[in-house]
N, C-alpha and C. Protein backbone atom coordinates (compact mmCIF):
# COMPACT_ATOMS: atom_id res chain seq x y z
N ILE A 1 19.17 14.57 8.20
CA ILE A 1 18.76 14.83 6.80
C ILE A 1 18.01 13.63 6.27
N PHE A 2 18.51 12.46 6.44
CA PHE A 2 17.83 11.26 5.88
C PHE A 2 16.49 11.02 6.54
N GLY A 3 16.39 11.29 7.82
CA GLY A 3 15.12 11.12 8.52
C GLY A 3 14.02 12.00 7.93
N GLU A 4 14.39 13.26 7.67
CA GLU A 4 13.40 14.19 7.10
C GLU A 4 13.09 13.84 5.64
N LEU A 5 14.05 13.44 4.87
CA LEU A 5 13.80 13.10 3.47
C LEU A 5 12.88 11.87 3.41
N VAL A 6 13.09 10.90 4.34
CA VAL A 6 12.18 9.74 4.38
C VAL A 6 10.81 10.20 4.84
N ASP A 7 10.75 11.06 5.85
CA ASP A 7 9.48 11.55 6.37
C ASP A 7 8.67 12.23 5.24
N GLN A 8 9.34 12.98 4.39
CA GLN A 8 8.62 13.64 3.31
C GLN A 8 8.14 12.71 2.18
N THR A 9 8.68 11.51 2.16
CA THR A 9 8.32 10.64 1.04
C THR A 9 7.48 9.45 1.49
N ASN A 10 7.29 9.27 2.79
CA ASN A 10 6.40 8.20 3.22
C ASN A 10 5.00 8.71 3.38
N SER A 11 4.05 7.83 3.64
CA SER A 11 2.66 8.28 3.72
C SER A 11 2.24 8.66 5.15
N GLY A 12 3.14 8.59 6.14
CA GLY A 12 2.80 8.95 7.47
C GLY A 12 3.13 10.35 7.82
N GLY A 13 2.51 10.86 8.85
CA GLY A 13 2.84 12.19 9.35
C GLY A 13 2.30 13.35 8.57
N THR A 14 2.60 14.53 9.07
CA THR A 14 2.11 15.75 8.45
C THR A 14 3.28 16.42 7.73
N ASP A 15 3.13 16.64 6.44
CA ASP A 15 4.19 17.28 5.68
C ASP A 15 3.62 18.37 4.77
N THR A 16 2.66 19.11 5.32
CA THR A 16 2.12 20.22 4.59
C THR A 16 3.21 21.32 4.47
N ALA A 17 2.96 22.29 3.59
CA ALA A 17 3.94 23.31 3.34
C ALA A 17 4.46 24.01 4.62
N GLY A 18 3.61 24.25 5.57
CA GLY A 18 4.02 24.94 6.80
C GLY A 18 4.90 24.16 7.71
N VAL A 19 4.94 22.81 7.61
CA VAL A 19 5.72 22.00 8.51
C VAL A 19 6.65 21.05 7.74
N LYS A 20 6.73 21.19 6.45
CA LYS A 20 7.43 20.29 5.61
C LYS A 20 8.91 20.02 6.05
N TRP A 21 9.61 21.06 6.47
CA TRP A 21 10.99 20.93 6.89
C TRP A 21 11.25 20.93 8.38
N LEU A 22 10.18 20.70 9.17
CA LEU A 22 10.35 20.62 10.63
C LEU A 22 10.70 19.17 11.06
N LEU A 23 11.57 19.04 11.99
CA LEU A 23 11.92 17.73 12.53
C LEU A 23 11.16 17.54 13.83
N GLY A 24 10.41 16.48 13.94
CA GLY A 24 9.66 16.14 15.14
C GLY A 24 8.31 16.81 15.20
N GLU A 25 7.77 17.29 14.11
CA GLU A 25 6.50 18.00 14.08
C GLU A 25 5.31 17.13 14.57
N ASP A 26 5.43 15.82 14.43
CA ASP A 26 4.34 14.97 14.83
C ASP A 26 4.54 14.28 16.16
N VAL A 27 5.57 14.62 16.91
CA VAL A 27 5.86 14.02 18.19
C VAL A 27 4.82 14.51 19.21
N PRO A 28 4.04 13.59 19.78
CA PRO A 28 3.01 14.02 20.77
C PRO A 28 3.64 14.69 21.99
N GLY A 29 3.11 15.84 22.35
CA GLY A 29 3.48 16.56 23.55
C GLY A 29 4.82 17.27 23.42
N GLY A 30 5.51 17.12 22.31
CA GLY A 30 6.81 17.77 22.19
C GLY A 30 6.85 18.72 21.03
N GLY A 31 6.55 18.24 19.85
CA GLY A 31 6.60 19.09 18.69
C GLY A 31 7.98 19.19 18.11
N ALA A 32 8.13 20.05 17.13
CA ALA A 32 9.34 20.20 16.35
C ALA A 32 10.55 20.59 17.23
N ILE A 33 11.72 20.13 16.87
CA ILE A 33 12.93 20.48 17.54
C ILE A 33 13.96 21.14 16.64
N ARG A 34 13.69 21.03 15.31
CA ARG A 34 14.61 21.71 14.34
C ARG A 34 13.76 22.13 13.15
N ASP A 35 14.31 23.11 12.45
CA ASP A 35 13.71 23.57 11.22
C ASP A 35 14.83 23.60 10.18
N MET A 36 14.74 22.67 9.20
CA MET A 36 15.79 22.61 8.17
C MET A 36 15.76 23.77 7.22
N GLU A 37 14.61 24.33 6.99
CA GLU A 37 14.49 25.46 6.11
C GLU A 37 15.09 26.71 6.73
N ASP A 38 14.83 26.91 8.02
CA ASP A 38 15.39 28.05 8.78
C ASP A 38 15.88 27.53 10.14
N PRO A 39 17.10 27.02 10.19
CA PRO A 39 17.60 26.47 11.46
C PRO A 39 17.67 27.49 12.61
N THR A 40 17.69 28.76 12.26
CA THR A 40 17.80 29.81 13.29
C THR A 40 16.54 29.89 14.17
N VAL A 41 15.42 29.35 13.68
CA VAL A 41 14.19 29.36 14.46
C VAL A 41 14.42 28.63 15.82
N PHE A 42 15.24 27.60 15.81
CA PHE A 42 15.57 26.87 17.02
C PHE A 42 16.94 27.15 17.58
N GLY A 43 17.56 28.26 17.15
CA GLY A 43 18.82 28.70 17.68
C GLY A 43 20.03 27.99 17.03
N ASP A 44 19.82 27.26 15.93
CA ASP A 44 20.93 26.56 15.27
C ASP A 44 21.45 27.44 14.10
N PRO A 45 22.67 27.27 13.74
CA PRO A 45 23.25 28.10 12.61
C PRO A 45 22.75 27.62 11.28
N ASP A 46 22.63 28.56 10.36
CA ASP A 46 22.20 28.27 9.01
C ASP A 46 23.37 28.42 8.02
N ARG A 47 24.52 28.84 8.54
CA ARG A 47 25.72 29.00 7.76
C ARG A 47 26.90 29.01 8.71
N ARG A 48 28.11 28.80 8.18
CA ARG A 48 29.30 28.70 9.03
C ARG A 48 29.61 29.95 9.86
N THR A 49 29.32 31.12 9.34
CA THR A 49 29.68 32.32 10.09
C THR A 49 28.49 32.87 10.90
N SER A 50 27.48 32.06 11.08
CA SER A 50 26.33 32.46 11.88
C SER A 50 26.73 32.71 13.32
N ALA A 51 26.11 33.67 13.93
CA ALA A 51 26.32 33.95 15.40
C ALA A 51 25.89 32.72 16.21
N ASN A 52 25.08 31.82 15.63
CA ASN A 52 24.63 30.60 16.35
C ASN A 52 25.62 29.46 16.24
N TRP A 53 26.70 29.62 15.48
CA TRP A 53 27.70 28.56 15.33
C TRP A 53 28.32 28.24 16.69
N TRP A 54 28.30 26.98 17.07
CA TRP A 54 28.78 26.56 18.40
C TRP A 54 30.22 26.23 18.36
N ILE A 55 31.06 26.82 19.22
CA ILE A 55 32.46 26.53 19.30
C ILE A 55 32.88 25.96 20.67
N GLY A 56 31.91 25.75 21.52
CA GLY A 56 32.20 25.23 22.84
C GLY A 56 32.55 23.73 22.84
N LEU A 57 32.85 23.20 23.98
CA LEU A 57 33.23 21.78 24.09
C LEU A 57 32.00 20.88 24.25
N SER A 58 30.88 21.40 24.75
CA SER A 58 29.72 20.59 24.96
C SER A 58 29.13 20.18 23.58
N ASP A 59 28.23 19.27 23.59
CA ASP A 59 27.62 18.73 22.36
C ASP A 59 28.66 18.28 21.38
N ASN A 60 29.72 17.66 21.96
CA ASN A 60 30.86 17.19 21.14
C ASN A 60 31.31 18.22 20.15
N ARG A 61 31.50 19.43 20.67
CA ARG A 61 31.93 20.63 19.92
C ARG A 61 30.88 21.02 18.88
N GLY A 62 29.62 20.79 19.19
CA GLY A 62 28.52 21.33 18.38
C GLY A 62 28.01 20.40 17.29
N VAL A 63 28.28 19.11 17.42
CA VAL A 63 27.89 18.20 16.34
C VAL A 63 26.40 18.24 16.05
N HIS A 64 25.59 18.41 17.03
CA HIS A 64 24.11 18.47 16.80
C HIS A 64 23.68 19.87 16.47
N ILE A 65 24.15 20.84 17.27
CA ILE A 65 23.75 22.25 17.08
C ILE A 65 24.17 22.73 15.66
N ASN A 66 25.39 22.43 15.32
CA ASN A 66 25.94 22.93 14.02
C ASN A 66 25.39 22.14 12.81
N SER A 67 24.60 21.11 13.05
CA SER A 67 23.97 20.38 11.92
C SER A 67 22.96 21.26 11.20
N GLY A 68 22.63 22.38 11.76
CA GLY A 68 21.74 23.29 11.07
C GLY A 68 22.29 23.73 9.74
N VAL A 69 23.62 23.77 9.64
CA VAL A 69 24.28 24.19 8.35
C VAL A 69 23.98 23.13 7.27
N SER A 70 24.22 21.84 7.56
CA SER A 70 23.90 20.81 6.58
C SER A 70 22.43 20.68 6.34
N ASN A 71 21.65 20.93 7.38
CA ASN A 71 20.18 20.89 7.19
C ASN A 71 19.74 21.94 6.18
N LYS A 72 20.26 23.17 6.33
CA LYS A 72 19.94 24.21 5.37
C LYS A 72 20.43 23.89 3.98
N LEU A 73 21.58 23.26 3.89
CA LEU A 73 22.15 22.83 2.62
C LEU A 73 21.23 21.82 1.91
N ALA A 74 20.75 20.85 2.69
CA ALA A 74 19.81 19.83 2.14
C ALA A 74 18.52 20.48 1.68
N TYR A 75 18.01 21.39 2.45
CA TYR A 75 16.79 22.14 2.06
C TYR A 75 17.03 22.85 0.73
N LEU A 76 18.09 23.62 0.65
CA LEU A 76 18.40 24.42 -0.56
C LEU A 76 18.53 23.51 -1.79
N LEU A 77 19.23 22.42 -1.65
CA LEU A 77 19.40 21.52 -2.78
C LEU A 77 18.09 20.86 -3.19
N THR A 78 17.22 20.58 -2.26
CA THR A 78 15.97 19.93 -2.55
C THR A 78 14.97 20.83 -3.12
N ASP A 79 14.71 21.96 -2.45
CA ASP A 79 13.63 22.91 -2.85
C ASP A 79 14.12 24.14 -3.57
N GLY A 80 15.42 24.41 -3.51
CA GLY A 80 15.98 25.59 -4.11
C GLY A 80 15.60 26.84 -3.32
N GLY A 81 16.11 27.98 -3.73
CA GLY A 81 15.79 29.23 -3.09
C GLY A 81 16.99 30.13 -3.12
N THR A 82 16.84 31.32 -2.52
CA THR A 82 17.91 32.29 -2.44
C THR A 82 18.25 32.45 -0.96
N PHE A 83 19.54 32.36 -0.71
CA PHE A 83 20.01 32.48 0.68
C PHE A 83 21.41 33.05 0.67
N ASN A 84 21.71 34.00 1.52
CA ASN A 84 23.04 34.52 1.72
C ASN A 84 23.68 34.98 0.41
N GLY A 85 22.85 35.56 -0.49
CA GLY A 85 23.31 36.10 -1.72
C GLY A 85 23.46 35.11 -2.87
N TYR A 86 23.06 33.85 -2.67
CA TYR A 86 23.17 32.83 -3.69
C TYR A 86 21.76 32.27 -4.02
N THR A 87 21.46 32.15 -5.33
CA THR A 87 20.25 31.53 -5.74
C THR A 87 20.56 30.11 -6.21
N VAL A 88 19.84 29.12 -5.61
CA VAL A 88 20.09 27.72 -5.85
C VAL A 88 18.89 27.13 -6.56
N ALA A 89 19.15 26.49 -7.67
CA ALA A 89 18.09 25.81 -8.43
C ALA A 89 17.76 24.48 -7.73
N ALA A 90 16.45 24.23 -7.54
CA ALA A 90 16.00 23.00 -6.87
C ALA A 90 16.43 21.78 -7.67
N GLN A 91 16.93 20.77 -6.95
CA GLN A 91 17.29 19.51 -7.58
C GLN A 91 16.30 18.40 -7.28
N GLY A 92 15.41 18.65 -6.33
CA GLY A 92 14.39 17.60 -5.99
C GLY A 92 14.88 16.67 -4.90
N ILE A 93 13.93 16.05 -4.27
CA ILE A 93 14.22 15.20 -3.11
C ILE A 93 15.02 13.92 -3.52
N THR A 94 14.67 13.33 -4.64
CA THR A 94 15.35 12.09 -5.04
C THR A 94 16.79 12.33 -5.32
N LYS A 95 17.11 13.40 -6.06
CA LYS A 95 18.47 13.72 -6.40
C LYS A 95 19.26 14.13 -5.16
N ALA A 96 18.70 14.96 -4.31
CA ALA A 96 19.36 15.40 -3.09
C ALA A 96 19.64 14.23 -2.16
N ALA A 97 18.69 13.34 -2.01
CA ALA A 97 18.87 12.16 -1.18
C ALA A 97 19.98 11.26 -1.72
N ALA A 98 20.02 11.03 -3.02
CA ALA A 98 21.04 10.22 -3.63
C ALA A 98 22.42 10.86 -3.43
N LEU A 99 22.48 12.18 -3.55
CA LEU A 99 23.76 12.88 -3.37
C LEU A 99 24.32 12.72 -1.96
N PHE A 100 23.46 12.99 -0.93
CA PHE A 100 23.90 12.85 0.43
C PHE A 100 24.22 11.41 0.76
N TYR A 101 23.48 10.44 0.22
CA TYR A 101 23.77 9.05 0.49
C TYR A 101 25.12 8.65 -0.11
N GLU A 102 25.37 9.03 -1.32
CA GLU A 102 26.66 8.72 -1.99
C GLU A 102 27.81 9.29 -1.15
N ALA A 103 27.67 10.52 -0.72
CA ALA A 103 28.74 11.14 0.12
C ALA A 103 28.89 10.41 1.43
N GLU A 104 27.81 10.11 2.08
CA GLU A 104 27.85 9.46 3.42
C GLU A 104 28.35 8.03 3.33
N ALA A 105 27.83 7.27 2.39
CA ALA A 105 28.12 5.84 2.31
C ALA A 105 29.48 5.53 1.67
N ASN A 106 29.94 6.39 0.76
CA ASN A 106 31.12 6.00 -0.03
C ASN A 106 32.26 6.96 0.02
N ILE A 107 32.14 8.15 0.64
CA ILE A 107 33.22 9.11 0.56
C ILE A 107 33.64 9.60 1.93
N LEU A 108 32.69 10.06 2.74
CA LEU A 108 33.04 10.60 4.08
C LEU A 108 33.61 9.55 4.99
N VAL A 109 34.39 9.93 5.95
CA VAL A 109 34.98 9.04 6.94
C VAL A 109 34.68 9.58 8.31
N THR A 110 34.94 8.74 9.32
CA THR A 110 34.80 9.19 10.69
C THR A 110 35.68 10.43 10.90
N GLY A 111 35.15 11.45 11.50
CA GLY A 111 35.94 12.66 11.74
C GLY A 111 35.87 13.66 10.61
N SER A 112 35.07 13.36 9.58
CA SER A 112 34.94 14.34 8.50
C SER A 112 34.26 15.60 9.02
N ASP A 113 34.58 16.72 8.44
CA ASP A 113 34.01 17.98 8.85
C ASP A 113 33.35 18.65 7.65
N TYR A 114 32.97 19.92 7.80
CA TYR A 114 32.23 20.57 6.72
C TYR A 114 33.03 20.80 5.45
N ILE A 115 34.30 21.04 5.53
CA ILE A 115 35.07 21.21 4.32
C ILE A 115 35.14 19.82 3.62
N ASP A 116 35.24 18.74 4.40
CA ASP A 116 35.21 17.39 3.83
C ASP A 116 33.89 17.14 3.14
N LEU A 117 32.81 17.57 3.79
CA LEU A 117 31.47 17.40 3.20
C LEU A 117 31.39 18.13 1.86
N TYR A 118 31.96 19.32 1.78
CA TYR A 118 31.93 20.09 0.58
C TYR A 118 32.59 19.29 -0.58
N TYR A 119 33.79 18.75 -0.30
CA TYR A 119 34.49 18.02 -1.36
C TYR A 119 33.81 16.68 -1.66
N ALA A 120 33.25 16.09 -0.57
CA ALA A 120 32.55 14.79 -0.78
C ALA A 120 31.31 14.98 -1.65
N LEU A 121 30.56 16.02 -1.42
CA LEU A 121 29.36 16.28 -2.21
C LEU A 121 29.71 16.55 -3.67
N ARG A 122 30.80 17.32 -3.85
CA ARG A 122 31.22 17.58 -5.24
C ARG A 122 31.61 16.29 -5.97
N GLN A 123 32.33 15.41 -5.26
CA GLN A 123 32.68 14.12 -5.85
C GLN A 123 31.45 13.23 -6.07
N ALA A 124 30.54 13.26 -5.10
CA ALA A 124 29.31 12.47 -5.22
C ALA A 124 28.52 12.91 -6.42
N ALA A 125 28.48 14.22 -6.68
CA ALA A 125 27.73 14.70 -7.86
C ALA A 125 28.39 14.16 -9.14
N ILE A 126 29.66 14.12 -9.17
CA ILE A 126 30.37 13.55 -10.36
C ILE A 126 30.06 12.06 -10.44
N ASN A 127 30.18 11.36 -9.33
CA ASN A 127 29.88 9.91 -9.33
C ASN A 127 28.48 9.62 -9.82
N LEU A 128 27.56 10.48 -9.51
CA LEU A 128 26.15 10.25 -9.88
C LEU A 128 25.80 10.82 -11.25
N GLY A 129 26.77 11.42 -11.91
CA GLY A 129 26.54 11.93 -13.26
C GLY A 129 25.74 13.21 -13.30
N TRP A 130 25.84 14.04 -12.29
CA TRP A 130 25.08 15.32 -12.27
C TRP A 130 25.58 16.16 -13.44
N THR A 131 24.67 16.86 -14.04
CA THR A 131 24.99 17.76 -15.17
C THR A 131 25.78 18.97 -14.60
N PRO A 132 26.41 19.70 -15.50
CA PRO A 132 27.09 20.94 -15.05
C PRO A 132 26.13 21.92 -14.36
N ASP A 133 24.87 22.05 -14.83
CA ASP A 133 23.92 22.95 -14.17
C ASP A 133 23.62 22.46 -12.81
N ALA A 134 23.45 21.19 -12.58
CA ALA A 134 23.18 20.65 -11.26
C ALA A 134 24.37 20.83 -10.32
N ARG A 135 25.57 20.67 -10.90
CA ARG A 135 26.77 20.86 -10.06
C ARG A 135 26.93 22.36 -9.71
N THR A 136 26.48 23.21 -10.57
CA THR A 136 26.49 24.64 -10.25
C THR A 136 25.54 24.94 -9.11
N ALA A 137 24.34 24.31 -9.10
CA ALA A 137 23.41 24.48 -7.98
C ALA A 137 24.05 24.00 -6.70
N LEU A 138 24.74 22.88 -6.74
CA LEU A 138 25.42 22.34 -5.53
C LEU A 138 26.47 23.35 -5.05
N GLU A 139 27.26 23.85 -5.95
CA GLU A 139 28.30 24.83 -5.57
C GLU A 139 27.68 26.08 -4.92
N ARG A 140 26.60 26.56 -5.49
CA ARG A 140 25.93 27.73 -4.92
C ARG A 140 25.38 27.42 -3.56
N ALA A 141 24.81 26.26 -3.39
CA ALA A 141 24.24 25.88 -2.09
C ALA A 141 25.36 25.78 -1.06
N CYS A 142 26.48 25.21 -1.41
CA CYS A 142 27.65 25.10 -0.49
C CYS A 142 28.18 26.47 -0.14
N ARG A 143 28.22 27.35 -1.09
CA ARG A 143 28.73 28.71 -0.82
C ARG A 143 27.70 29.49 0.04
N ALA A 144 26.45 29.27 -0.18
CA ALA A 144 25.41 29.92 0.61
C ALA A 144 25.52 29.59 2.08
N VAL A 145 25.78 28.32 2.39
CA VAL A 145 25.91 27.94 3.81
C VAL A 145 27.36 28.04 4.29
N GLU A 146 28.22 28.47 3.41
CA GLU A 146 29.60 28.83 3.74
C GLU A 146 30.47 27.65 4.12
N ILE A 147 30.19 26.44 3.55
CA ILE A 147 31.10 25.33 3.79
C ILE A 147 32.20 25.31 2.71
N ALA A 148 32.07 26.05 1.67
CA ALA A 148 33.04 26.08 0.61
C ALA A 148 33.94 27.30 0.64
N VAL A 149 33.65 28.25 1.47
CA VAL A 149 34.41 29.50 1.46
C VAL A 149 35.16 29.56 2.78
N PRO A 150 36.50 29.65 2.71
CA PRO A 150 37.25 29.77 3.97
C PRO A 150 36.82 31.05 4.69
N THR A 151 36.62 30.96 5.96
CA THR A 151 36.34 32.11 6.79
C THR A 151 37.60 32.50 7.54
N SER A 152 37.48 33.50 8.38
CA SER A 152 38.68 33.89 9.12
C SER A 152 39.08 32.83 10.14
N VAL A 153 40.27 32.90 10.61
CA VAL A 153 40.75 31.92 11.59
C VAL A 153 39.96 32.09 12.86
N THR A 154 39.49 30.97 13.42
CA THR A 154 38.72 30.99 14.63
C THR A 154 39.35 30.01 15.63
N THR A 155 39.58 30.47 16.83
CA THR A 155 40.14 29.60 17.88
C THR A 155 39.02 28.67 18.37
N ILE A 156 39.26 27.37 18.28
CA ILE A 156 38.29 26.40 18.74
C ILE A 156 38.52 26.12 20.20
N VAL A 157 39.76 25.83 20.59
CA VAL A 157 40.06 25.54 21.98
C VAL A 157 41.52 25.85 22.25
N THR A 158 41.81 26.39 23.41
CA THR A 158 43.19 26.59 23.88
C THR A 158 43.33 25.91 25.21
N ASP A 159 44.46 25.24 25.41
CA ASP A 159 44.66 24.49 26.66
C ASP A 159 46.14 24.55 27.02
N ASP A 160 46.45 24.71 28.32
CA ASP A 160 47.84 24.61 28.75
C ASP A 160 48.05 23.38 29.56
N PHE A 161 47.23 22.37 29.35
CA PHE A 161 47.28 21.07 30.01
C PHE A 161 47.35 21.33 31.52
N GLU A 162 48.42 20.85 32.12
CA GLU A 162 48.56 20.92 33.56
C GLU A 162 49.61 21.98 33.94
N SER A 163 49.75 22.98 33.19
CA SER A 163 50.65 24.08 33.38
C SER A 163 52.11 23.67 33.25
N GLY A 164 52.38 22.40 32.98
CA GLY A 164 53.77 21.98 32.87
C GLY A 164 54.16 21.74 31.43
N MET A 165 53.24 21.79 30.51
CA MET A 165 53.56 21.54 29.13
C MET A 165 53.34 22.83 28.32
N ALA A 166 53.81 22.83 27.14
CA ALA A 166 53.62 24.01 26.30
C ALA A 166 52.14 24.24 25.98
N LYS A 167 51.74 25.46 25.91
CA LYS A 167 50.37 25.83 25.57
C LYS A 167 50.14 25.52 24.11
N TRP A 168 48.92 25.00 23.75
CA TRP A 168 48.61 24.74 22.37
C TRP A 168 47.24 25.28 22.07
N THR A 169 47.02 25.54 20.77
CA THR A 169 45.77 26.09 20.31
C THR A 169 45.32 25.35 19.05
N VAL A 170 44.03 25.01 19.01
CA VAL A 170 43.45 24.37 17.81
C VAL A 170 42.67 25.48 17.13
N THR A 171 42.94 25.71 15.83
CA THR A 171 42.22 26.75 15.11
C THR A 171 41.48 26.15 13.92
N ASP A 172 40.54 26.92 13.48
CA ASP A 172 39.76 26.59 12.34
C ASP A 172 40.03 27.65 11.28
N VAL A 173 40.59 27.27 10.14
CA VAL A 173 40.94 28.25 9.11
C VAL A 173 39.83 28.43 8.10
N GLY A 174 38.67 27.90 8.43
CA GLY A 174 37.53 28.13 7.59
C GLY A 174 36.99 26.88 6.94
N GLY A 175 35.64 26.78 6.96
CA GLY A 175 34.99 25.68 6.32
C GLY A 175 35.01 24.35 7.04
N THR A 176 35.69 24.31 8.13
CA THR A 176 35.75 23.02 8.85
C THR A 176 34.81 22.99 10.00
N GLY A 177 34.46 21.83 10.44
CA GLY A 177 33.45 21.67 11.47
C GLY A 177 34.01 21.33 12.72
């Protein structure tokens, strides 16, 4: 998120409307690897219940793949738009960057997940003095990408260790990463 927000505000690179939210659009011989406006273009999820949501063990249980959800959230907060039944008022790049920075630098901890991000962003908005209308936009954006709404229980991993111990299951009761 921060890399793209910096990219959009510095004088280097191409940030025309057609590539504004692409990551890596100026890399020679490679090109874009992610689209924050529409993460599904590169097979990443744009919301928690997306068919693209990764629940496997690789990619540290989807830490990179599932970042499409927060990428879409950053896009919605910055430019606004309608997604997944929610209309979000644009807050602009400066406000969105400050919000994510406040959450990252002062609230989130190692091991935080998407439900933690939801609560951290809400607190960050209060810390930064966001108006009720701006906080409503944040709430709508979080609901649009489904980090604020509990989903059904999803099994993340089941293991019976070495067959000598009791079987255990880790589940996700919604909104967690």
